[in-house]
Amino acid sequence: MSADGKVSYEGTANVKHLGSASGEVPANRVNALLDELDKAGYFSFADRYTPAEPTCGRYATDLPSTITSASLNGRSKRIVYDHGCGAAPGALTVLEQRIDEVLGSSRWTGR
């Protein structure tokens, strides 16, 4: 998602829409989401919660992975999160759900 509300999506497997898609979100919803991410500490989380990283903690196999990214006031963050990592902050999963809600991801993922 860009600051002007343009959303880009790339479905690769196990989703309703395979391939590229795009959409738009009103700017006020984008700004509210970015504020929410900032207040919840998104920009201070580790960059990776994957099995090879010390940030992973206890690991359970066969869970999905997500990649999120955001930019706000000159700060950029990209997080790779394997949901099998037990030490990831609980807020990260909540924020991923909020991102999906605001962006309307279900229209492409079917979830």
PDB file of N, CA and C in Angstrom:
ATOM      1  N   MET A   1       0.836  -1.158   0.000  1.00  0.00           N
ATOM      2  CA  MET A   1       0.000   0.000   0.000  1.00  0.00           C
ATOM      3  C   MET A   1       0.892   1.235   0.000  1.00  0.00           C
ATOM      4  N   SER A   2       0.572   2.150  -0.833  1.00  0.00           N
ATOM      5  CA  SER A   2       1.326   3.398  -0.874  1.00  0.00           C
ATOM      6  C   SER A   2       0.591   4.458  -0.054  1.00  0.00           C
ATOM      7  N   ALA A   3       1.262   5.564   0.191  1.00  0.00           N
ATOM      8  CA  ALA A   3       0.688   6.635   1.009  1.00  0.00           C
ATOM      9  C   ALA A   3      -0.597   7.201   0.419  1.00  0.00           C
ATOM     10  N   ASP A   4      -0.747   7.103  -0.895  1.00  0.00           N
ATOM     11  CA  ASP A   4      -1.966   7.638  -1.516  1.00  0.00           C
ATOM     12  C   ASP A   4      -3.097   6.612  -1.565  1.00  0.00           C
ATOM     13  N   GLY A   5      -2.885   5.438  -0.940  1.00  0.00           N
ATOM     14  CA  GLY A   5      -3.944   4.441  -0.838  1.00  0.00           C
ATOM     15  C   GLY A   5      -3.957   3.378  -1.906  1.00  0.00           C
ATOM     16  N   LYS A   6      -2.997   3.387  -2.811  1.00  0.00           N
ATOM     17  CA  LYS A   6      -2.935   2.355  -3.850  1.00  0.00           C
ATOM     18  C   LYS A   6      -2.403   1.058  -3.235  1.00  0.00           C
ATOM     19  N   VAL A   7      -3.098  -0.029  -3.501  1.00  0.00           N
ATOM     20  CA  VAL A   7      -2.758  -1.332  -2.944  1.00  0.00           C
ATOM     21  C   VAL A   7      -2.327  -2.249  -4.075  1.00  0.00           C
ATOM     22  N   SER A   8      -1.192  -2.932  -3.885  1.00  0.00           N
ATOM     23  CA  SER A   8      -0.724  -3.927  -4.849  1.00  0.00           C
ATOM     24  C   SER A   8      -0.741  -5.292  -4.171  1.00  0.00           C
ATOM     25  N   TYR A   9      -1.151  -6.296  -4.908  1.00  0.00           N
ATOM     26  CA  TYR A   9      -1.282  -7.645  -4.374  1.00  0.00           C
ATOM     27  C   TYR A   9      -0.684  -8.625  -5.373  1.00  0.00           C
ATOM     28  N   GLU A  10      -0.046  -9.660  -4.863  1.00  0.00           N
ATOM     29  CA  GLU A  10       0.496 -10.721  -5.712  1.00  0.00           C
ATOM     30  C   GLU A  10       0.162 -12.055  -5.056  1.00  0.00           C
ATOM     31  N   GLY A  11      -0.801 -12.767  -5.622  1.00  0.00           N
ATOM     32  CA  GLY A  11      -1.191 -14.067  -5.096  1.00  0.00           C
ATOM     33  C   GLY A  11      -0.395 -15.167  -5.771  1.00  0.00           C
ATOM     34  N   THR A  12       0.274 -15.997  -4.958  1.00  0.00           N
ATOM     35  CA  THR A  12       1.122 -17.039  -5.537  1.00  0.00           C
ATOM     36  C   THR A  12       0.607 -18.454  -5.309  1.00  0.00           C
ATOM     37  N   ALA A  13      -0.147 -18.700  -4.232  1.00  0.00           N
ATOM     38  CA  ALA A  13      -0.660 -20.047  -3.973  1.00  0.00           C
ATOM     39  C   ALA A  13      -1.710 -19.999  -2.874  1.00  0.00           C
ATOM     40  N   ASN A  14      -2.646 -20.924  -2.924  1.00  0.00           N
ATOM     41  CA  ASN A  14      -3.653 -21.108  -1.878  1.00  0.00           C
ATOM     42  C   ASN A  14      -4.474 -19.856  -1.595  1.00  0.00           C
ATOM     43  N   VAL A  15      -4.786 -19.108  -2.638  1.00  0.00           N
ATOM     44  CA  VAL A  15      -5.591 -17.894  -2.515  1.00  0.00           C
ATOM     45  C   VAL A  15      -6.671 -17.887  -3.595  1.00  0.00           C
ATOM     46  N   LYS A  16      -7.655 -17.036  -3.429  1.00  0.00           N
ATOM     47  CA  LYS A  16      -8.752 -16.916  -4.387  1.00  0.00           C
ATOM     48  C   LYS A  16      -8.277 -16.384  -5.737  1.00  0.00           C
ATOM     49  N   HIS A  17      -7.391 -15.377  -5.711  1.00  0.00           N
ATOM     50  CA  HIS A  17      -6.926 -14.735  -6.938  1.00  0.00           C
ATOM     51  C   HIS A  17      -5.417 -14.946  -7.099  1.00  0.00           C
ATOM     52  N   LEU A  18      -5.033 -15.726  -8.093  1.00  0.00           N
ATOM     53  CA  LEU A  18      -3.616 -15.910  -8.391  1.00  0.00           C
ATOM     54  C   LEU A  18      -3.156 -14.800  -9.326  1.00  0.00           C
ATOM     55  N   GLY A  19      -1.953 -14.317  -9.093  1.00  0.00           N
ATOM     56  CA  GLY A  19      -1.402 -13.275  -9.937  1.00  0.00           C
ATOM     57  C   GLY A  19      -1.524 -11.903  -9.301  1.00  0.00           C
ATOM     58  N   SER A  20      -1.335 -10.898 -10.122  1.00  0.00           N
ATOM     59  CA  SER A  20      -1.330  -9.509  -9.647  1.00  0.00           C
ATOM     60  C   SER A  20      -2.733  -8.922  -9.625  1.00  0.00           C
ATOM     61  N   ALA A  21      -2.941  -8.031  -8.663  1.00  0.00           N
ATOM     62  CA  ALA A  21      -4.197  -7.285  -8.572  1.00  0.00           C
ATOM     63  C   ALA A  21      -3.886  -5.959  -7.890  1.00  0.00           C
ATOM     64  N   SER A  22      -4.806  -5.027  -8.022  1.00  0.00           N
ATOM     65  CA  SER A  22      -4.611  -3.738  -7.371  1.00  0.00           C
ATOM     66  C   SER A  22      -5.951  -3.172  -6.933  1.00  0.00           C
ATOM     67  N   GLY A  23      -5.882  -2.215  -6.033  1.00  0.00           N
ATOM     68  CA  GLY A  23      -7.080  -1.574  -5.527  1.00  0.00           C
ATOM     69  C   GLY A  23      -6.711  -0.248  -4.883  1.00  0.00           C
ATOM     70  N   GLU A  24      -7.691   0.367  -4.246  1.00  0.00           N
ATOM     71  CA  GLU A  24      -7.453   1.652  -3.576  1.00  0.00           C
ATOM     72  C   GLU A  24      -8.161   1.684  -2.237  1.00  0.00           C
ATOM     73  N   VAL A  25      -7.545   2.380  -1.293  1.00  0.00           N
ATOM     74  CA  VAL A  25      -8.096   2.588   0.036  1.00  0.00           C
ATOM     75  C   VAL A  25      -8.104   4.098   0.269  1.00  0.00           C
ATOM     76  N   PRO A  26      -9.172   4.644   0.842  1.00  0.00           N
ATOM     77  CA  PRO A  26      -9.196   6.090   1.100  1.00  0.00           C
ATOM     78  C   PRO A  26      -8.008   6.538   1.964  1.00  0.00           C
ATOM     79  N   ALA A  27      -7.461   7.695   1.649  1.00  0.00           N
ATOM     80  CA  ALA A  27      -6.268   8.214   2.330  1.00  0.00           C
ATOM     81  C   ALA A  27      -6.444   8.307   3.843  1.00  0.00           C
ATOM     82  N   ASN A  28      -7.639   8.675   4.307  1.00  0.00           N
ATOM     83  CA  ASN A  28      -7.836   8.784   5.749  1.00  0.00           C
ATOM     84  C   ASN A  28      -7.715   7.432   6.442  1.00  0.00           C
ATOM     85  N   ARG A  29      -8.113   6.348   5.770  1.00  0.00           N
ATOM     86  CA  ARG A  29      -7.956   5.000   6.341  1.00  0.00           C
ATOM     87  C   ARG A  29      -6.491   4.580   6.333  1.00  0.00           C
ATOM     88  N   VAL A  30      -5.753   4.983   5.299  1.00  0.00           N
ATOM     89  CA  VAL A  30      -4.315   4.698   5.244  1.00  0.00           C
ATOM     90  C   VAL A  30      -3.610   5.381   6.410  1.00  0.00           C
ATOM     91  N   ASN A  31      -3.903   6.653   6.606  1.00  0.00           N
ATOM     92  CA  ASN A  31      -3.259   7.407   7.689  1.00  0.00           C
ATOM     93  C   ASN A  31      -3.610   6.833   9.054  1.00  0.00           C
ATOM     94  N   ALA A  32      -4.859   6.442   9.254  1.00  0.00           N
ATOM     95  CA  ALA A  32      -5.273   5.854  10.529  1.00  0.00           C
ATOM     96  C   ALA A  32      -4.550   4.530  10.775  1.00  0.00           C
ATOM     97  N   LEU A  33      -4.405   3.723   9.731  1.00  0.00           N
ATOM     98  CA  LEU A  33      -3.698   2.449   9.866  1.00  0.00           C
ATOM     99  C   LEU A  33      -2.228   2.681  10.201  1.00  0.00           C
ATOM    100  N   LEU A  34      -1.584   3.599   9.520  1.00  0.00           N
ATOM    101  CA  LEU A  34      -0.175   3.883   9.804  1.00  0.00           C
ATOM    102  C   LEU A  34       0.010   4.391  11.230  1.00  0.00           C
ATOM    103  N   ASP A  35      -0.902   5.216  11.699  1.00  0.00           N
ATOM    104  CA  ASP A  35      -0.852   5.674  13.095  1.00  0.00           C
ATOM    105  C   ASP A  35      -1.006   4.502  14.057  1.00  0.00           C
ATOM    106  N   GLU A  36      -1.916   3.597  13.726  1.00  0.00           N
ATOM    107  CA  GLU A  36      -2.129   2.415  14.563  1.00  0.00           C
ATOM    108  C   GLU A  36      -0.869   1.543  14.616  1.00  0.00           C
ATOM    109  N   LEU A  37      -0.246   1.331  13.466  1.00  0.00           N
ATOM    110  CA  LEU A  37       0.998   0.554  13.428  1.00  0.00           C
ATOM    111  C   LEU A  37       2.066   1.211  14.286  1.00  0.00           C
ATOM    112  N   ASP A  38       2.198   2.512  14.152  1.00  0.00           N
ATOM    113  CA  ASP A  38       3.213   3.254  14.898  1.00  0.00           C
ATOM    114  C   ASP A  38       2.976   3.140  16.407  1.00  0.00           C
ATOM    115  N   LYS A  39       1.762   3.379  16.836  1.00  0.00           N
ATOM    116  CA  LYS A  39       1.439   3.333  18.269  1.00  0.00           C
ATOM    117  C   LYS A  39       1.610   1.945  18.862  1.00  0.00           C
ATOM    118  N   ALA A  40       1.404   0.911  18.049  1.00  0.00           N
ATOM    119  CA  ALA A  40       1.534  -0.463  18.528  1.00  0.00           C
ATOM    120  C   ALA A  40       2.983  -0.957  18.519  1.00  0.00           C
ATOM    121  N   GLY A  41       3.907  -0.146  18.023  1.00  0.00           N
ATOM    122  CA  GLY A  41       5.319  -0.515  18.049  1.00  0.00           C
ATOM    123  C   GLY A  41       5.825  -1.263  16.834  1.00  0.00           C
ATOM    124  N   TYR A  42       5.055  -1.285  15.757  1.00  0.00           N
ATOM    125  CA  TYR A  42       5.444  -2.030  14.553  1.00  0.00           C
ATOM    126  C   TYR A  42       6.867  -1.701  14.111  1.00  0.00           C
ATOM    127  N   PHE A  43       7.246  -0.440  14.132  1.00  0.00           N
ATOM    128  CA  PHE A  43       8.550  -0.029  13.626  1.00  0.00           C
ATOM    129  C   PHE A  43       9.704  -0.436  14.541  1.00  0.00           C
ATOM    130  N   SER A  44       9.381  -0.906  15.749  1.00  0.00           N
ATOM    131  CA  SER A  44      10.429  -1.355  16.671  1.00  0.00           C
ATOM    132  C   SER A  44      10.555  -2.875  16.718  1.00  0.00           C
ATOM    133  N   PHE A  45       9.670  -3.596  16.042  1.00  0.00           N
ATOM    134  CA  PHE A  45       9.755  -5.054  16.016  1.00  0.00           C
ATOM    135  C   PHE A  45      10.983  -5.491  15.218  1.00  0.00           C
ATOM    136  N   ALA A  46      11.411  -6.727  15.443  1.00  0.00           N
ATOM    137  CA  ALA A  46      12.524  -7.297  14.670  1.00  0.00           C
ATOM    138  C   ALA A  46      12.125  -7.383  13.193  1.00  0.00           C
ATOM    139  N   ASP A  47      13.117  -7.446  12.328  1.00  0.00           N
ATOM    140  CA  ASP A  47      12.855  -7.548  10.890  1.00  0.00           C
ATOM    141  C   ASP A  47      12.425  -8.950  10.474  1.00  0.00           C
ATOM    142  N   ARG A  48      12.846  -9.942  11.257  1.00  0.00           N
ATOM    143  CA  ARG A  48      12.562 -11.332  10.890  1.00  0.00           C
ATOM    144  C   ARG A  48      12.206 -12.152  12.119  1.00  0.00           C
ATOM    145  N   TYR A  49      11.135 -12.904  11.985  1.00  0.00           N
ATOM    146  CA  TYR A  49      10.764 -13.929  12.957  1.00  0.00           C
ATOM    147  C   TYR A  49      10.697 -15.218  12.153  1.00  0.00           C
ATOM    148  N   THR A  50      11.858 -15.807  11.949  1.00  0.00           N
ATOM    149  CA  THR A  50      11.988 -17.033  11.162  1.00  0.00           C
ATOM    150  C   THR A  50      12.847 -18.009  11.954  1.00  0.00           C
ATOM    151  N   PRO A  51      12.753 -19.313  11.650  1.00  0.00           N
ATOM    152  CA  PRO A  51      13.438 -20.323  12.456  1.00  0.00           C
ATOM    153  C   PRO A  51      14.937 -20.091  12.647  1.00  0.00           C
ATOM    154  N   ALA A  52      15.609 -19.498  11.689  1.00  0.00           N
ATOM    155  CA  ALA A  52      17.063 -19.310  11.793  1.00  0.00           C
ATOM    156  C   ALA A  52      17.449 -18.124  12.681  1.00  0.00           C
ATOM    157  N   GLU A  53      16.467 -17.342  13.112  1.00  0.00           N
ATOM    158  CA  GLU A  53      16.751 -16.124  13.872  1.00  0.00           C
ATOM    159  C   GLU A  53      16.548 -16.346  15.367  1.00  0.00           C
ATOM    160  N   PRO A  54      17.373 -15.688  16.194  1.00  0.00           N
ATOM    161  CA  PRO A  54      17.172 -15.796  17.646  1.00  0.00           C
ATOM    162  C   PRO A  54      15.833 -15.212  18.103  1.00  0.00           C
ATOM    163  N   THR A  55      15.227 -14.359  17.290  1.00  0.00           N
ATOM    164  CA  THR A  55      13.932 -13.756  17.636  1.00  0.00           C
ATOM    165  C   THR A  55      12.781 -14.752  17.519  1.00  0.00           C
ATOM    166  N   CYS A  56      13.042 -15.935  16.973  1.00  0.00           N
ATOM    167  CA  CYS A  56      11.979 -16.914  16.735  1.00  0.00           C
ATOM    168  C   CYS A  56      11.496 -17.568  18.027  1.00  0.00           C
ATOM    169  N   GLY A  57      12.402 -17.956  18.893  1.00  0.00           N
ATOM    170  CA  GLY A  57      12.006 -18.709  20.086  1.00  0.00           C
ATOM    171  C   GLY A  57      11.624 -20.121  19.710  1.00  0.00           C
ATOM    172  N   ARG A  58      10.708 -20.699  20.475  1.00  0.00           N
ATOM    173  CA  ARG A  58      10.257 -22.060  20.185  1.00  0.00           C
ATOM    174  C   ARG A  58       9.570 -22.067  18.829  1.00  0.00           C
ATOM    175  N   TYR A  59       9.771 -23.160  18.082  1.00  0.00           N
ATOM    176  CA  TYR A  59       9.271 -23.212  16.712  1.00  0.00           C
ATOM    177  C   TYR A  59       8.348 -24.400  16.496  1.00  0.00           C
ATOM    178  N   ALA A  60       7.235 -24.157  15.821  1.00  0.00           N
ATOM    179  CA  ALA A  60       6.303 -25.198  15.397  1.00  0.00           C
ATOM    180  C   ALA A  60       6.241 -25.161  13.873  1.00  0.00           C
ATOM    181  N   THR A  61       6.305 -26.310  13.251  1.00  0.00           N
ATOM    182  CA  THR A  61       6.318 -26.371  11.786  1.00  0.00           C
ATOM    183  C   THR A  61       4.917 -26.238  11.194  1.00  0.00           C
ATOM    184  N   ASP A  62       4.893 -26.043   9.886  1.00  0.00           N
ATOM    185  CA  ASP A  62       3.680 -26.083   9.071  1.00  0.00           C
ATOM    186  C   ASP A  62       2.671 -24.980   9.351  1.00  0.00           C
ATOM    187  N   LEU A  63       3.157 -23.817   9.731  1.00  0.00           N
ATOM    188  CA  LEU A  63       2.283 -22.663   9.899  1.00  0.00           C
ATOM    189  C   LEU A  63       2.601 -21.656   8.801  1.00  0.00           C
ATOM    190  N   PRO A  64       1.670 -20.778   8.478  1.00  0.00           N
ATOM    191  CA  PRO A  64       1.888 -19.829   7.385  1.00  0.00           C
ATOM    192  C   PRO A  64       2.938 -18.772   7.727  1.00  0.00           C
ATOM    193  N   SER A  65       3.414 -18.118   6.702  1.00  0.00           N
ATOM    194  CA  SER A  65       4.328 -16.986   6.850  1.00  0.00           C
ATOM    195  C   SER A  65       3.686 -15.765   6.218  1.00  0.00           C
ATOM    196  N   THR A  66       4.028 -14.593   6.739  1.00  0.00           N
ATOM    197  CA  THR A  66       3.545 -13.350   6.160  1.00  0.00           C
ATOM    198  C   THR A  66       4.708 -12.370   6.041  1.00  0.00           C
ATOM    199  N   ILE A  67       4.586 -11.497   5.077  1.00  0.00           N
ATOM    200  CA  ILE A  67       5.543 -10.397   4.925  1.00  0.00           C
ATOM    201  C   ILE A  67       4.723  -9.124   4.891  1.00  0.00           C
ATOM    202  N   THR A  68       5.047  -8.206   5.788  1.00  0.00           N
ATOM    203  CA  THR A  68       4.382  -6.910   5.805  1.00  0.00           C
ATOM    204  C   THR A  68       5.442  -5.828   5.676  1.00  0.00           C
ATOM    205  N   SER A  69       5.017  -4.664   5.211  1.00  0.00           N
ATOM    206  CA  SER A  69       5.941  -3.529   5.165  1.00  0.00           C
ATOM    207  C   SER A  69       5.132  -2.247   5.279  1.00  0.00           C
ATOM    208  N   ALA A  70       5.786  -1.238   5.843  1.00  0.00           N
ATOM    209  CA  ALA A  70       5.134   0.061   6.011  1.00  0.00           C
ATOM    210  C   ALA A  70       6.195   1.146   6.047  1.00  0.00           C
ATOM    211  N   SER A  71       5.804   2.341   5.640  1.00  0.00           N
ATOM    212  CA  SER A  71       6.672   3.519   5.710  1.00  0.00           C
ATOM    213  C   SER A  71       5.879   4.656   6.316  1.00  0.00           C
ATOM    214  N   LEU A  72       6.534   5.379   7.234  1.00  0.00           N
ATOM    215  CA  LEU A  72       5.879   6.497   7.900  1.00  0.00           C
ATOM    216  C   LEU A  72       6.932   7.492   8.347  1.00  0.00           C
ATOM    217  N   ASN A  73       6.770   8.729   7.944  1.00  0.00           N
ATOM    218  CA  ASN A  73       7.669   9.812   8.372  1.00  0.00           C
ATOM    219  C   ASN A  73       9.145   9.472   8.181  1.00  0.00           C
ATOM    220  N   GLY A  74       9.488   8.938   7.026  1.00  0.00           N
ATOM    221  CA  GLY A  74      10.878   8.626   6.712  1.00  0.00           C
ATOM    222  C   GLY A  74      11.374   7.312   7.287  1.00  0.00           C
ATOM    223  N   ARG A  75      10.551   6.604   8.022  1.00  0.00           N
ATOM    224  CA  ARG A  75      10.918   5.287   8.552  1.00  0.00           C
ATOM    225  C   ARG A  75      10.255   4.214   7.713  1.00  0.00           C
ATOM    226  N   SER A  76      11.002   3.191   7.399  1.00  0.00           N
ATOM    227  CA  SER A  76      10.447   2.059   6.664  1.00  0.00           C
ATOM    228  C   SER A  76      10.730   0.787   7.436  1.00  0.00           C
ATOM    229  N   LYS A  77       9.793  -0.146   7.351  1.00  0.00           N
ATOM    230  CA  LYS A  77       9.944  -1.414   8.050  1.00  0.00           C
ATOM    231  C   LYS A  77       9.363  -2.517   7.195  1.00  0.00           C
ATOM    232  N   ARG A  78      10.083  -3.633   7.130  1.00  0.00           N
ATOM    233  CA  ARG A  78       9.615  -4.840   6.446  1.00  0.00           C
ATOM    234  C   ARG A  78       9.818  -5.982   7.424  1.00  0.00           C
ATOM    235  N   ILE A  79       8.766  -6.750   7.673  1.00  0.00           N
ATOM    236  CA  ILE A  79       8.849  -7.849   8.627  1.00  0.00           C
ATOM    237  C   ILE A  79       8.462  -9.154   7.940  1.00  0.00           C
ATOM    238  N   VAL A  80       9.343 -10.140   8.062  1.00  0.00           N
ATOM    239  CA  VAL A  80       9.071 -11.495   7.601  1.00  0.00           C
ATOM    240  C   VAL A  80       8.741 -12.306   8.851  1.00  0.00           C
ATOM    241  N   TYR A  81       7.547 -12.885   8.873  1.00  0.00           N
ATOM    242  CA  TYR A  81       7.070 -13.563  10.074  1.00  0.00           C
ATOM    243  C   TYR A  81       6.562 -14.954   9.750  1.00  0.00           C
ATOM    244  N   ASP A  82       7.288 -15.965  10.213  1.00  0.00           N
ATOM    245  CA  ASP A  82       6.848 -17.350  10.159  1.00  0.00           C
ATOM    246  C   ASP A  82       6.021 -17.559  11.430  1.00  0.00           C
ATOM    247  N   HIS A  83       4.745 -17.846  11.273  1.00  0.00           N
ATOM    248  CA  HIS A  83       3.847 -17.936  12.426  1.00  0.00           C
ATOM    249  C   HIS A  83       4.148 -19.116  13.338  1.00  0.00           C
ATOM    250  N   GLY A  84       5.115 -19.938  12.982  1.00  0.00           N
ATOM    251  CA  GLY A  84       5.563 -20.999  13.868  1.00  0.00           C
ATOM    252  C   GLY A  84       6.503 -20.497  14.950  1.00  0.00           C
ATOM    253  N   CYS A  85       6.958 -19.261  14.843  1.00  0.00           N
ATOM    254  CA  CYS A  85       7.879 -18.678  15.824  1.00  0.00           C
ATOM    255  C   CYS A  85       7.108 -18.206  17.045  1.00  0.00           C
ATOM    256  N   GLY A  86       7.372 -18.838  18.175  1.00  0.00           N
ATOM    257  CA  GLY A  86       6.627 -18.553  19.390  1.00  0.00           C
ATOM    258  C   GLY A  86       7.003 -17.264  20.093  1.00  0.00           C
ATOM    259  N   ALA A  87       8.164 -16.689  19.786  1.00  0.00           N
ATOM    260  CA  ALA A  87       8.605 -15.489  20.504  1.00  0.00           C
ATOM    261  C   ALA A  87       8.233 -14.178  19.821  1.00  0.00           C
ATOM    262  N   ALA A  88       7.552 -14.249  18.696  1.00  0.00           N
ATOM    263  CA  ALA A  88       7.126 -13.011  18.020  1.00  0.00           C
ATOM    264  C   ALA A  88       6.087 -12.307  18.889  1.00  0.00           C
ATOM    265  N   PRO A  89       6.086 -10.985  18.877  1.00  0.00           N
ATOM    266  CA  PRO A  89       5.096 -10.264  19.688  1.00  0.00           C
ATOM    267  C   PRO A  89       3.670 -10.558  19.225  1.00  0.00           C
ATOM    268  N   GLY A  90       2.782 -10.773  20.175  1.00  0.00           N
ATOM    269  CA  GLY A  90       1.381 -11.037  19.844  1.00  0.00           C
ATOM    270  C   GLY A  90       0.750  -9.905  19.052  1.00  0.00           C
ATOM    271  N   ALA A  91       1.229  -8.693  19.298  1.00  0.00           N
ATOM    272  CA  ALA A  91       0.692  -7.531  18.580  1.00  0.00           C
ATOM    273  C   ALA A  91       0.928  -7.642  17.078  1.00  0.00           C
ATOM    274  N   LEU A  92       1.960  -8.367  16.659  1.00  0.00           N
ATOM    275  CA  LEU A  92       2.246  -8.470  15.227  1.00  0.00           C
ATOM    276  C   LEU A  92       1.101  -9.171  14.503  1.00  0.00           C
ATOM    277  N   THR A  93       0.596 -10.248  15.059  1.00  0.00           N
ATOM    278  CA  THR A  93      -0.520 -10.953  14.440  1.00  0.00           C
ATOM    279  C   THR A  93      -1.754 -10.061  14.383  1.00  0.00           C
ATOM    280  N   VAL A  94      -2.015  -9.326  15.449  1.00  0.00           N
ATOM    281  CA  VAL A  94      -3.158  -8.407  15.481  1.00  0.00           C
ATOM    282  C   VAL A  94      -3.001  -7.337  14.399  1.00  0.00           C
ATOM    283  N   LEU A  95      -1.794  -6.798  14.261  1.00  0.00           N
ATOM    284  CA  LEU A  95      -1.554  -5.767  13.253  1.00  0.00           C
ATOM    285  C   LEU A  95      -1.685  -6.321  11.839  1.00  0.00           C
ATOM    286  N   GLU A  96      -1.239  -7.552  11.626  1.00  0.00           N
ATOM    287  CA  GLU A  96      -1.418  -8.176  10.309  1.00  0.00           C
ATOM    288  C   GLU A  96      -2.907  -8.277   9.974  1.00  0.00           C
ATOM    289  N   GLN A  97      -3.708  -8.656  10.956  1.00  0.00           N
ATOM    290  CA  GLN A  97      -5.151  -8.745  10.734  1.00  0.00           C
ATOM    291  C   GLN A  97      -5.747  -7.367  10.425  1.00  0.00           C
ATOM    292  N   ARG A  98      -5.294  -6.348  11.127  1.00  0.00           N
ATOM    293  CA  ARG A  98      -5.781  -4.985  10.866  1.00  0.00           C
ATOM    294  C   ARG A  98      -5.401  -4.527   9.458  1.00  0.00           C
ATOM    295  N   ILE A  99      -4.181  -4.838   9.039  1.00  0.00           N
ATOM    296  CA  ILE A  99      -3.755  -4.488   7.687  1.00  0.00           C
ATOM    297  C   ILE A  99      -4.692  -5.149   6.674  1.00  0.00           C
ATOM    298  N   ASP A 100      -4.953  -6.444   6.854  1.00  0.00           N
ATOM    299  CA  ASP A 100      -5.853  -7.155   5.947  1.00  0.00           C
ATOM    300  C   ASP A 100      -7.243  -6.533   5.939  1.00  0.00           C
ATOM    301  N   GLU A 101      -7.757  -6.173   7.115  1.00  0.00           N
ATOM    302  CA  GLU A 101      -9.087  -5.568   7.206  1.00  0.00           C
ATOM    303  C   GLU A 101      -9.145  -4.245   6.446  1.00  0.00           C
ATOM    304  N   VAL A 102      -8.196  -3.373   6.722  1.00  0.00           N
ATOM    305  CA  VAL A 102      -8.206  -2.042   6.110  1.00  0.00           C
ATOM    306  C   VAL A 102      -8.013  -2.133   4.599  1.00  0.00           C
ATOM    307  N   LEU A 103      -7.130  -2.999   4.158  1.00  0.00           N
ATOM    308  CA  LEU A 103      -6.849  -3.118   2.728  1.00  0.00           C
ATOM    309  C   LEU A 103      -7.878  -3.958   1.981  1.00  0.00           C
ATOM    310  N   GLY A 104      -8.720  -4.670   2.700  1.00  0.00           N
ATOM    311  CA  GLY A 104      -9.718  -5.514   2.045  1.00  0.00           C
ATOM    312  C   GLY A 104      -9.094  -6.706   1.353  1.00  0.00           C
ATOM    313  N   SER A 105      -8.093  -7.292   1.966  1.00  0.00           N
ATOM    314  CA  SER A 105      -7.347  -8.403   1.357  1.00  0.00           C
ATOM    315  C   SER A 105      -8.220  -9.600   1.018  1.00  0.00           C
ATOM    316  N   SER A 106      -9.312  -9.780   1.741  1.00  0.00           N
ATOM    317  CA  SER A 106     -10.154 -10.968   1.514  1.00  0.00           C
ATOM    318  C   SER A 106     -10.707 -11.032   0.095  1.00  0.00           C
ATOM    319  N   ARG A 107     -10.799  -9.900  -0.578  1.00  0.00           N
ATOM    320  CA  ARG A 107     -11.311  -9.932  -1.964  1.00  0.00           C
ATOM    321  C   ARG A 107     -10.382 -10.699  -2.880  1.00  0.00           C
ATOM    322  N   TRP A 108      -9.116 -10.815  -2.502  1.00  0.00           N
ATOM    323  CA  TRP A 108      -8.134 -11.561  -3.298  1.00  0.00           C
ATOM    324  C   TRP A 108      -7.767 -12.901  -2.669  1.00  0.00           C
ATOM    325  N   THR A 109      -7.722 -12.939  -1.350  1.00  0.00           N
ATOM    326  CA  THR A 109      -7.288 -14.161  -0.683  1.00  0.00           C
ATOM    327  C   THR A 109      -8.427 -15.143  -0.471  1.00  0.00           C
ATOM    328  N   GLY A 110      -9.658 -14.617  -0.364  1.00  0.00           N
ATOM    329  CA  GLY A 110     -10.790 -15.477  -0.075  1.00  0.00           C
ATOM    330  C   GLY A 110     -10.914 -15.788   1.401  1.00  0.00           C
ATOM    331  N   ARG A 111     -10.101 -15.114   2.228  1.00  0.00           N
ATOM    332  CA  ARG A 111     -10.112 -15.373   3.688  1.00  0.00           C
ATOM    333  C   ARG A 111     -10.425 -14.130   4.437  1.00  0.00           C
TER     334      ARG A 111
END
